Amino acid sequence: MEKKRLVVSYNNVSPEVLEAIRLKYPLGYSNHVIKVKTRGDDFFYAITVDTADASYLVKVPVKIDTKGNINDDDNLEDINNEKESEDNFPDNDPNSENDE
C-alpha cells in the first residue's frame, strides 16, 4: 500500500505529525524550508515529514529579513567613501618613502 501524500498547514497538524517534525528537525527546520510554486505566480514555503501512514508537505510561516536591504545603497556609498579615504593615507602609496 502506498502512503498518502498530504498538504497541511503547520497550525493544523496533528500531535503525531508535530512529534515527527520534532524528531526529524531537532535543531529546527529553518535550513530545510522549500519554496513550493502553485498555479500562476503564487507560492508557499513548506517542510517535508513522514509518518507511518502518510507523507506530509507542511506549510510553514516564513519571515523574510529585509532590514539589511533597506539602505544597501547608503551602505555601499559608505564603503566606497572609506576606501577612498584609505587610499589617501601615505602608507598606502607605493611610491612614498617610509620614514621608519
PDB file of N, CA and C in Angstrom:
ATOM      1  N   MET A   1       0.839  -1.186   0.000  1.00  0.00           N
ATOM      2  CA  MET A   1       0.000   0.000   0.000  1.00  0.00           C
ATOM      3  C   MET A   1       0.884   1.251   0.000  1.00  0.00           C
ATOM      4  N   GLU A   2       0.565   2.201  -0.866  1.00  0.00           N
ATOM      5  CA  GLU A   2       1.332   3.429  -0.983  1.00  0.00           C
ATOM      6  C   GLU A   2       0.864   4.445   0.052  1.00  0.00           C
ATOM      7  N   LYS A   3       1.817   5.228   0.574  1.00  0.00           N
ATOM      8  CA  LYS A   3       1.478   6.246   1.570  1.00  0.00           C
ATOM      9  C   LYS A   3       0.650   7.359   0.950  1.00  0.00           C
ATOM     10  N   LYS A   4      -0.245   7.922   1.746  1.00  0.00           N
ATOM     11  CA  LYS A   4      -0.988   9.109   1.313  1.00  0.00           C
ATOM     12  C   LYS A   4      -0.010  10.276   1.276  1.00  0.00           C
ATOM     13  N   ARG A   5      -0.275  11.206   0.374  1.00  0.00           N
ATOM     14  CA  ARG A   5       0.521  12.427   0.279  1.00  0.00           C
ATOM     15  C   ARG A   5      -0.407  13.589   0.603  1.00  0.00           C
ATOM     16  N   LEU A   6      -0.100  14.303   1.679  1.00  0.00           N
ATOM     17  CA  LEU A   6      -0.984  15.352   2.165  1.00  0.00           C
ATOM     18  C   LEU A   6      -0.256  16.681   2.315  1.00  0.00           C
ATOM     19  N   VAL A   7      -1.003  17.769   2.084  1.00  0.00           N
ATOM     20  CA  VAL A   7      -0.505  19.117   2.335  1.00  0.00           C
ATOM     21  C   VAL A   7      -1.334  19.678   3.474  1.00  0.00           C
ATOM     22  N   VAL A   8      -0.646  20.173   4.500  1.00  0.00           N
ATOM     23  CA  VAL A   8      -1.348  20.693   5.673  1.00  0.00           C
ATOM     24  C   VAL A   8      -0.596  21.896   6.232  1.00  0.00           C
ATOM     25  N   SER A   9      -1.320  22.822   6.815  1.00  0.00           N
ATOM     26  CA  SER A   9      -0.712  23.989   7.449  1.00  0.00           C
ATOM     27  C   SER A   9      -0.114  23.585   8.796  1.00  0.00           C
ATOM     28  N   TYR A  10       0.980  24.220   9.166  1.00  0.00           N
ATOM     29  CA  TYR A  10       1.625  23.928  10.448  1.00  0.00           C
ATOM     30  C   TYR A  10       0.662  24.135  11.612  1.00  0.00           C
ATOM     31  N   ASN A  11      -0.230  25.117  11.487  1.00  0.00           N
ATOM     32  CA  ASN A  11      -1.191  25.397  12.557  1.00  0.00           C
ATOM     33  C   ASN A  11      -2.219  24.288  12.728  1.00  0.00           C
ATOM     34  N   ASN A  12      -2.373  23.422  11.717  1.00  0.00           N
ATOM     35  CA  ASN A  12      -3.409  22.393  11.760  1.00  0.00           C
ATOM     36  C   ASN A  12      -2.869  20.974  11.844  1.00  0.00           C
ATOM     37  N   VAL A  13      -1.579  20.799  12.136  1.00  0.00           N
ATOM     38  CA  VAL A  13      -1.021  19.445  12.172  1.00  0.00           C
ATOM     39  C   VAL A  13      -1.465  18.713  13.428  1.00  0.00           C
ATOM     40  N   SER A  14      -1.554  17.413  13.299  1.00  0.00           N
ATOM     41  CA  SER A  14      -1.925  16.578  14.442  1.00  0.00           C
ATOM     42  C   SER A  14      -0.729  16.434  15.379  1.00  0.00           C
ATOM     43  N   PRO A  15      -0.962  16.001  16.602  1.00  0.00           N
ATOM     44  CA  PRO A  15       0.165  15.779  17.535  1.00  0.00           C
ATOM     45  C   PRO A  15       1.159  14.751  16.994  1.00  0.00           C
ATOM     46  N   GLU A  16       0.683  13.766  16.250  1.00  0.00           N
ATOM     47  CA  GLU A  16       1.565  12.756  15.668  1.00  0.00           C
ATOM     48  C   GLU A  16       2.524  13.399  14.650  1.00  0.00           C
ATOM     49  N   VAL A  17       2.010  14.267  13.811  1.00  0.00           N
ATOM     50  CA  VAL A  17       2.841  14.944  12.818  1.00  0.00           C
ATOM     51  C   VAL A  17       3.792  15.926  13.501  1.00  0.00           C
ATOM     52  N   LEU A  18       3.322  16.624  14.508  1.00  0.00           N
ATOM     53  CA  LEU A  18       4.168  17.546  15.258  1.00  0.00           C
ATOM     54  C   LEU A  18       5.346  16.809  15.890  1.00  0.00           C
ATOM     55  N   GLU A  19       5.098  15.644  16.426  1.00  0.00           N
ATOM     56  CA  GLU A  19       6.177  14.829  17.011  1.00  0.00           C
ATOM     57  C   GLU A  19       7.153  14.367  15.930  1.00  0.00           C
ATOM     58  N   ALA A  20       6.644  14.018  14.760  1.00  0.00           N
ATOM     59  CA  ALA A  20       7.507  13.615  13.643  1.00  0.00           C
ATOM     60  C   ALA A  20       8.396  14.781  13.210  1.00  0.00           C
ATOM     61  N   ILE A  21       7.847  15.989  13.216  1.00  0.00           N
ATOM     62  CA  ILE A  21       8.634  17.183  12.878  1.00  0.00           C
ATOM     63  C   ILE A  21       9.739  17.384  13.906  1.00  0.00           C
ATOM     64  N   ARG A  22       9.401  17.237  15.180  1.00  0.00           N
ATOM     65  CA  ARG A  22      10.409  17.401  16.241  1.00  0.00           C
ATOM     66  C   ARG A  22      11.524  16.368  16.127  1.00  0.00           C
ATOM     67  N   LEU A  23      11.174  15.150  15.742  1.00  0.00           N
ATOM     68  CA  LEU A  23      12.188  14.100  15.597  1.00  0.00           C
ATOM     69  C   LEU A  23      13.074  14.333  14.367  1.00  0.00           C
ATOM     70  N   LYS A  24      12.471  14.752  13.264  1.00  0.00           N
ATOM     71  CA  LYS A  24      13.236  14.952  12.027  1.00  0.00           C
ATOM     72  C   LYS A  24      14.098  16.210  12.088  1.00  0.00           C
ATOM     73  N   TYR A  25      13.609  17.245  12.743  1.00  0.00           N
ATOM     74  CA  TYR A  25      14.313  18.531  12.803  1.00  0.00           C
ATOM     75  C   TYR A  25      14.560  18.937  14.262  1.00  0.00           C
ATOM     76  N   PRO A  26      15.406  18.218  14.981  1.00  0.00           N
ATOM     77  CA  PRO A  26      15.614  18.529  16.406  1.00  0.00           C
ATOM     78  C   PRO A  26      16.247  19.904  16.644  1.00  0.00           C
ATOM     79  N   LEU A  27      16.965  20.424  15.665  1.00  0.00           N
ATOM     80  CA  LEU A  27      17.602  21.733  15.805  1.00  0.00           C
ATOM     81  C   LEU A  27      16.810  22.828  15.097  1.00  0.00           C
ATOM     82  N   GLY A  28      15.611  22.513  14.645  1.00  0.00           N
ATOM     83  CA  GLY A  28      14.783  23.473  13.928  1.00  0.00           C
ATOM     84  C   GLY A  28      14.797  23.200  12.437  1.00  0.00           C
ATOM     85  N   TYR A  29      13.778  23.670  11.776  1.00  0.00           N
ATOM     86  CA  TYR A  29      13.638  23.382  10.350  1.00  0.00           C
ATOM     87  C   TYR A  29      13.992  24.562   9.447  1.00  0.00           C
ATOM     88  N   SER A  30      14.500  25.649   9.988  1.00  0.00           N
ATOM     89  CA  SER A  30      14.725  26.859   9.187  1.00  0.00           C
ATOM     90  C   SER A  30      15.659  26.630   8.001  1.00  0.00           C
ATOM     91  N   ASN A  31      16.591  25.722   8.089  1.00  0.00           N
ATOM     92  CA  ASN A  31      17.507  25.449   6.976  1.00  0.00           C
ATOM     93  C   ASN A  31      16.974  24.388   6.022  1.00  0.00           C
ATOM     94  N   HIS A  32      15.759  23.922   6.246  1.00  0.00           N
ATOM     95  CA  HIS A  32      15.187  22.846   5.441  1.00  0.00           C
ATOM     96  C   HIS A  32      13.901  23.256   4.739  1.00  0.00           C
ATOM     97  N   VAL A  33      13.577  24.534   4.773  1.00  0.00           N
ATOM     98  CA  VAL A  33      12.346  25.034   4.173  1.00  0.00           C
ATOM     99  C   VAL A  33      12.517  25.077   2.653  1.00  0.00           C
ATOM    100  N   ILE A  34      11.475  24.619   1.947  1.00  0.00           N
ATOM    101  CA  ILE A  34      11.485  24.658   0.492  1.00  0.00           C
ATOM    102  C   ILE A  34      10.382  25.585   0.004  1.00  0.00           C
ATOM    103  N   LYS A  35      10.591  26.164  -1.158  1.00  0.00           N
ATOM    104  CA  LYS A  35       9.590  27.036  -1.762  1.00  0.00           C
ATOM    105  C   LYS A  35       8.795  26.199  -2.761  1.00  0.00           C
ATOM    106  N   VAL A  36       7.488  26.168  -2.593  1.00  0.00           N
ATOM    107  CA  VAL A  36       6.623  25.361  -3.441  1.00  0.00           C
ATOM    108  C   VAL A  36       5.783  26.303  -4.295  1.00  0.00           C
ATOM    109  N   LYS A  37       5.923  26.174  -5.612  1.00  0.00           N
ATOM    110  CA  LYS A  37       5.145  27.016  -6.522  1.00  0.00           C
ATOM    111  C   LYS A  37       3.783  26.390  -6.760  1.00  0.00           C
ATOM    112  N   THR A  38       2.783  27.257  -6.838  1.00  0.00           N
ATOM    113  CA  THR A  38       1.437  26.812  -7.172  1.00  0.00           C
ATOM    114  C   THR A  38       1.078  27.431  -8.518  1.00  0.00           C
ATOM    115  N   ARG A  39      -0.169  27.417  -8.856  1.00  0.00           N
ATOM    116  CA  ARG A  39      -0.588  27.982 -10.141  1.00  0.00           C
ATOM    117  C   ARG A  39      -0.274  29.474 -10.209  1.00  0.00           C
ATOM    118  N   GLY A  40       0.109  29.907 -11.380  1.00  0.00           N
ATOM    119  CA  GLY A  40       0.422  31.322 -11.559  1.00  0.00           C
ATOM    120  C   GLY A  40       1.708  31.689 -10.858  1.00  0.00           C
ATOM    121  N   ASP A  41       1.690  32.859 -10.234  1.00  0.00           N
ATOM    122  CA  ASP A  41       2.871  33.353  -9.531  1.00  0.00           C
ATOM    123  C   ASP A  41       2.816  33.074  -8.037  1.00  0.00           C
ATOM    124  N   ASP A  42       1.828  32.323  -7.586  1.00  0.00           N
ATOM    125  CA  ASP A  42       1.675  32.045  -6.162  1.00  0.00           C
ATOM    126  C   ASP A  42       2.652  30.963  -5.702  1.00  0.00           C
ATOM    127  N   PHE A  43       2.990  31.000  -4.423  1.00  0.00           N
ATOM    128  CA  PHE A  43       3.874  30.007  -3.835  1.00  0.00           C
ATOM    129  C   PHE A  43       3.655  29.982  -2.330  1.00  0.00           C
ATOM    130  N   PHE A  44       4.198  28.951  -1.692  1.00  0.00           N
ATOM    131  CA  PHE A  44       4.218  28.881  -0.241  1.00  0.00           C
ATOM    132  C   PHE A  44       5.491  28.160   0.170  1.00  0.00           C
ATOM    133  N   TYR A  45       5.825  28.262   1.439  1.00  0.00           N
ATOM    134  CA  TYR A  45       7.002  27.598   1.976  1.00  0.00           C
ATOM    135  C   TYR A  45       6.563  26.397   2.802  1.00  0.00           C
ATOM    136  N   ALA A  46       7.363  25.328   2.751  1.00  0.00           N
ATOM    137  CA  ALA A  46       6.958  24.096   3.429  1.00  0.00           C
ATOM    138  C   ALA A  46       8.178  23.283   3.829  1.00  0.00           C
ATOM    139  N   ILE A  47       7.916  22.311   4.694  1.00  0.00           N
ATOM    140  CA  ILE A  47       8.900  21.291   5.057  1.00  0.00           C
ATOM    141  C   ILE A  47       8.258  19.940   4.784  1.00  0.00           C
ATOM    142  N   THR A  48       9.067  18.913   4.668  1.00  0.00           N
ATOM    143  CA  THR A  48       8.539  17.569   4.450  1.00  0.00           C
ATOM    144  C   THR A  48       8.729  16.743   5.713  1.00  0.00           C
ATOM    145  N   VAL A  49       7.781  15.863   5.941  1.00  0.00           N
ATOM    146  CA  VAL A  49       7.886  14.947   7.078  1.00  0.00           C
ATOM    147  C   VAL A  49       7.028  13.720   6.776  1.00  0.00           C
ATOM    148  N   ASP A  50       7.477  12.557   7.237  1.00  0.00           N
ATOM    149  CA  ASP A  50       6.760  11.306   7.013  1.00  0.00           C
ATOM    150  C   ASP A  50       6.310  10.707   8.334  1.00  0.00           C
ATOM    151  N   THR A  51       5.137  10.092   8.299  1.00  0.00           N
ATOM    152  CA  THR A  51       4.662   9.279   9.413  1.00  0.00           C
ATOM    153  C   THR A  51       4.457   7.868   8.869  1.00  0.00           C
ATOM    154  N   ALA A  52       3.990   6.978   9.691  1.00  0.00           N
ATOM    155  CA  ALA A  52       3.805   5.594   9.264  1.00  0.00           C
ATOM    156  C   ALA A  52       2.811   5.468   8.114  1.00  0.00           C
ATOM    157  N   ASP A  53       1.807   6.332   8.072  1.00  0.00           N
ATOM    158  CA  ASP A  53       0.763   6.175   7.066  1.00  0.00           C
ATOM    159  C   ASP A  53       0.720   7.266   6.002  1.00  0.00           C
ATOM    160  N   ALA A  54       1.534   8.347   6.108  1.00  0.00           N
ATOM    161  CA  ALA A  54       1.446   9.434   5.131  1.00  0.00           C
ATOM    162  C   ALA A  54       2.750  10.217   5.027  1.00  0.00           C
ATOM    163  N   SER A  55       2.912  10.858   3.857  1.00  0.00           N
ATOM    164  CA  SER A  55       3.989  11.816   3.637  1.00  0.00           C
ATOM    165  C   SER A  55       3.351  13.195   3.610  1.00  0.00           C
ATOM    166  N   TYR A  56       3.887  14.105   4.415  1.00  0.00           N
ATOM    167  CA  TYR A  56       3.287  15.424   4.559  1.00  0.00           C
ATOM    168  C   TYR A  56       4.176  16.498   3.967  1.00  0.00           C
ATOM    169  N   LEU A  57       3.516  17.461   3.366  1.00  0.00           N
ATOM    170  CA  LEU A  57       4.120  18.717   2.982  1.00  0.00           C
ATOM    171  C   LEU A  57       3.475  19.725   3.913  1.00  0.00           C
ATOM    172  N   VAL A  58       4.233  20.204   4.889  1.00  0.00           N
ATOM    173  CA  VAL A  58       3.688  21.062   5.939  1.00  0.00           C
ATOM    174  C   VAL A  58       4.013  22.510   5.611  1.00  0.00           C
ATOM    175  N   LYS A  59       2.963  23.313   5.377  1.00  0.00           N
ATOM    176  CA  LYS A  59       3.145  24.739   5.108  1.00  0.00           C
ATOM    177  C   LYS A  59       3.619  25.420   6.386  1.00  0.00           C
ATOM    178  N   VAL A  60       4.698  26.183   6.272  1.00  0.00           N
ATOM    179  CA  VAL A  60       5.251  26.871   7.442  1.00  0.00           C
ATOM    180  C   VAL A  60       5.323  28.361   7.177  1.00  0.00           C
ATOM    181  N   PRO A  61       5.155  29.161   8.232  1.00  0.00           N
ATOM    182  CA  PRO A  61       5.297  30.610   8.068  1.00  0.00           C
ATOM    183  C   PRO A  61       6.772  30.972   7.934  1.00  0.00           C
ATOM    184  N   VAL A  62       7.061  31.892   7.033  1.00  0.00           N
ATOM    185  CA  VAL A  62       8.437  32.343   6.819  1.00  0.00           C
ATOM    186  C   VAL A  62       8.452  33.855   6.896  1.00  0.00           C
ATOM    187  N   LYS A  63       9.350  34.378   7.703  1.00  0.00           N
ATOM    188  CA  LYS A  63       9.509  35.823   7.819  1.00  0.00           C
ATOM    189  C   LYS A  63      10.811  36.191   7.130  1.00  0.00           C
ATOM    190  N   ILE A  64      10.713  37.031   6.123  1.00  0.00           N
ATOM    191  CA  ILE A  64      11.879  37.449   5.351  1.00  0.00           C
ATOM    192  C   ILE A  64      12.504  38.661   6.035  1.00  0.00           C
ATOM    193  N   ASP A  65      13.810  38.613   6.265  1.00  0.00           N
ATOM    194  CA  ASP A  65      14.530  39.713   6.889  1.00  0.00           C
ATOM    195  C   ASP A  65      14.866  40.749   5.828  1.00  0.00           C
ATOM    196  N   THR A  66      14.254  41.922   5.932  1.00  0.00           N
ATOM    197  CA  THR A  66      14.509  42.981   4.960  1.00  0.00           C
ATOM    198  C   THR A  66      15.279  44.139   5.568  1.00  0.00           C
ATOM    199  N   LYS A  67      15.630  44.062   6.835  1.00  0.00           N
ATOM    200  CA  LYS A  67      16.315  45.173   7.494  1.00  0.00           C
ATOM    201  C   LYS A  67      17.647  45.490   6.831  1.00  0.00           C
ATOM    202  N   GLY A  68      18.402  44.483   6.444  1.00  0.00           N
ATOM    203  CA  GLY A  68      19.703  44.704   5.837  1.00  0.00           C
ATOM    204  C   GLY A  68      19.619  45.253   4.432  1.00  0.00           C
ATOM    205  N   ASN A  69      18.474  45.125   3.790  1.00  0.00           N
ATOM    206  CA  ASN A  69      18.349  45.540   2.399  1.00  0.00           C
ATOM    207  C   ASN A  69      17.809  46.952   2.242  1.00  0.00           C
ATOM    208  N   ILE A  70      17.310  47.568   3.288  1.00  0.00           N
ATOM    209  CA  ILE A  70      16.650  48.858   3.173  1.00  0.00           C
ATOM    210  C   ILE A  70      17.617  49.935   2.693  1.00  0.00           C
ATOM    211  N   ASN A  71      18.797  49.992   3.273  1.00  0.00           N
ATOM    212  CA  ASN A  71      19.748  51.065   2.949  1.00  0.00           C
ATOM    213  C   ASN A  71      21.009  50.528   2.293  1.00  0.00           C
ATOM    214  N   ASP A  72      20.883  49.538   1.426  1.00  0.00           N
ATOM    215  CA  ASP A  72      22.062  48.971   0.794  1.00  0.00           C
ATOM    216  C   ASP A  72      22.843  49.999  -0.010  1.00  0.00           C
ATOM    217  N   ASP A  73      22.143  50.918  -0.698  1.00  0.00           N
ATOM    218  CA  ASP A  73      22.847  51.944  -1.458  1.00  0.00           C
ATOM    219  C   ASP A  73      23.648  52.844  -0.538  1.00  0.00           C
ATOM    220  N   ASP A  74      23.079  53.193   0.620  1.00  0.00           N
ATOM    221  CA  ASP A  74      23.799  54.018   1.589  1.00  0.00           C
ATOM    222  C   ASP A  74      25.012  53.279   2.118  1.00  0.00           C
ATOM    223  N   ASN A  75      24.852  51.985   2.420  1.00  0.00           N
ATOM    224  CA  ASN A  75      25.964  51.199   2.933  1.00  0.00           C
ATOM    225  C   ASN A  75      27.071  51.086   1.903  1.00  0.00           C
ATOM    226  N   LEU A  76      26.703  50.906   0.634  1.00  0.00           N
ATOM    227  CA  LEU A  76      27.704  50.818  -0.422  1.00  0.00           C
ATOM    228  C   LEU A  76      28.444  52.139  -0.572  1.00  0.00           C
ATOM    229  N   GLU A  77      27.718  53.248  -0.451  1.00  0.00           N
ATOM    230  CA  GLU A  77      28.345  54.561  -0.530  1.00  0.00           C
ATOM    231  C   GLU A  77      29.329  54.755   0.626  1.00  0.00           C
ATOM    232  N   ASP A  78      28.942  54.326   1.846  1.00  0.00           N
ATOM    233  CA  ASP A  78      29.842  54.433   2.995  1.00  0.00           C
ATOM    234  C   ASP A  78      31.111  53.614   2.775  1.00  0.00           C
ATOM    235  N   ILE A  79      30.963  52.420   2.240  1.00  0.00           N
ATOM    236  CA  ILE A  79      32.118  51.558   1.988  1.00  0.00           C
ATOM    237  C   ILE A  79      33.036  52.208   0.966  1.00  0.00           C
ATOM    238  N   ASN A  80      32.457  52.764  -0.101  1.00  0.00           N
ATOM    239  CA  ASN A  80      33.273  53.436  -1.119  1.00  0.00           C
ATOM    240  C   ASN A  80      33.993  54.648  -0.537  1.00  0.00           C
ATOM    241  N   ASN A  81      33.317  55.407   0.334  1.00  0.00           N
ATOM    242  CA  ASN A  81      33.951  56.568   0.963  1.00  0.00           C
ATOM    243  C   ASN A  81      35.107  56.142   1.849  1.00  0.00           C
ATOM    244  N   GLU A  82      34.941  55.042   2.584  1.00  0.00           N
ATOM    245  CA  GLU A  82      36.017  54.534   3.431  1.00  0.00           C
ATOM    246  C   GLU A  82      37.211  54.120   2.580  1.00  0.00           C
ATOM    247  N   LYS A  83      36.939  53.472   1.464  1.00  0.00           N
ATOM    248  CA  LYS A  83      38.012  53.027   0.572  1.00  0.00           C
ATOM    249  C   LYS A  83      38.777  54.226   0.029  1.00  0.00           C
ATOM    250  N   GLU A  84      38.056  55.274  -0.382  1.00  0.00           N
ATOM    251  CA  GLU A  84      38.712  56.478  -0.904  1.00  0.00           C
ATOM    252  C   GLU A  84      39.574  57.134   0.160  1.00  0.00           C
ATOM    253  N   SER A  85      39.083  57.198   1.413  1.00  0.00           N
ATOM    254  CA  SER A  85      39.865  57.840   2.463  1.00  0.00           C
ATOM    255  C   SER A  85      41.094  57.003   2.804  1.00  0.00           C
ATOM    256  N   GLU A  86      41.005  55.669   2.708  1.00  0.00           N
ATOM    257  CA  GLU A  86      42.171  54.826   2.949  1.00  0.00           C
ATOM    258  C   GLU A  86      43.219  55.037   1.870  1.00  0.00           C
ATOM    259  N   ASP A  87      42.769  55.274   0.648  1.00  0.00           N
ATOM    260  CA  ASP A  87      43.709  55.488  -0.455  1.00  0.00           C
ATOM    261  C   ASP A  87      44.508  56.772  -0.288  1.00  0.00           C
ATOM    262  N   ASN A  88      44.023  57.709   0.509  1.00  0.00           N
ATOM    263  CA  ASN A  88      44.714  58.983   0.699  1.00  0.00           C
ATOM    264  C   ASN A  88      45.807  58.923   1.762  1.00  0.00           C
ATOM    265  N   PHE A  89      45.915  57.833   2.511  1.00  0.00           N
ATOM    266  CA  PHE A  89      46.962  57.703   3.519  1.00  0.00           C
ATOM    267  C   PHE A  89      48.292  57.457   2.830  1.00  0.00           C
ATOM    268  N   PRO A  90      49.356  58.110   3.299  1.00  0.00           N
ATOM    269  CA  PRO A  90      50.677  57.924   2.684  1.00  0.00           C
ATOM    270  C   PRO A  90      51.166  56.487   2.772  1.00  0.00           C
ATOM    271  N   ASP A  91      50.757  55.744   3.805  1.00  0.00           N
ATOM    272  CA  ASP A  91      51.215  54.370   3.964  1.00  0.00           C
ATOM    273  C   ASP A  91      50.750  53.476   2.823  1.00  0.00           C
ATOM    274  N   ASN A  92      49.669  53.853   2.189  1.00  0.00           N
ATOM    275  CA  ASN A  92      49.137  53.031   1.115  1.00  0.00           C
ATOM    276  C   ASN A  92      49.700  53.403  -0.249  1.00  0.00           C
ATOM    277  N   ASP A  93      50.525  54.438  -0.293  1.00  0.00           N
ATOM    278  CA  ASP A  93      51.094  54.884  -1.552  1.00  0.00           C
ATOM    279  C   ASP A  93      52.407  54.136  -1.782  1.00  0.00           C
ATOM    280  N   PRO A  94      52.458  53.301  -2.825  1.00  0.00           N
ATOM    281  CA  PRO A  94      53.687  52.518  -3.043  1.00  0.00           C
ATOM    282  C   PRO A  94      54.882  53.376  -3.446  1.00  0.00           C
ATOM    283  N   ASN A  95      54.657  54.619  -3.918  1.00  0.00           N
ATOM    284  CA  ASN A  95      55.752  55.488  -4.345  1.00  0.00           C
ATOM    285  C   ASN A  95      56.303  56.339  -3.211  1.00  0.00           C
ATOM    286  N   SER A  96      55.645  56.324  -2.044  1.00  0.00           N
ATOM    287  CA  SER A  96      56.130  57.147  -0.923  1.00  0.00           C
ATOM    288  C   SER A  96      57.244  56.432  -0.187  1.00  0.00           C
ATOM    289  N   GLU A  97      58.126  57.238   0.434  1.00  0.00           N
ATOM    290  CA  GLU A  97      59.224  56.665   1.198  1.00  0.00           C
ATOM    291  C   GLU A  97      58.811  56.507   2.642  1.00  0.00           C
ATOM    292  N   ASN A  98      59.244  55.429   3.263  1.00  0.00           N
ATOM    293  CA  ASN A  98      58.943  55.202   4.674  1.00  0.00           C
ATOM    294  C   ASN A  98      59.924  55.983   5.538  1.00  0.00           C
ATOM    295  N   ASP A  99      59.425  56.642   6.587  1.00  0.00           N
ATOM    296  CA  ASP A  99      60.274  57.435   7.473  1.00  0.00           C
ATOM    297  C   ASP A  99      60.848  56.593   8.607  1.00  0.00           C
ATOM    298  N   GLU A 100      60.538  55.340   8.634  1.00  0.00           N
ATOM    299  CA  GLU A 100      60.986  54.481   9.743  1.00  0.00           C
ATOM    300  C   GLU A 100      62.402  54.125   9.668  1.00  0.00           C
TER     301      GLU A 100
END
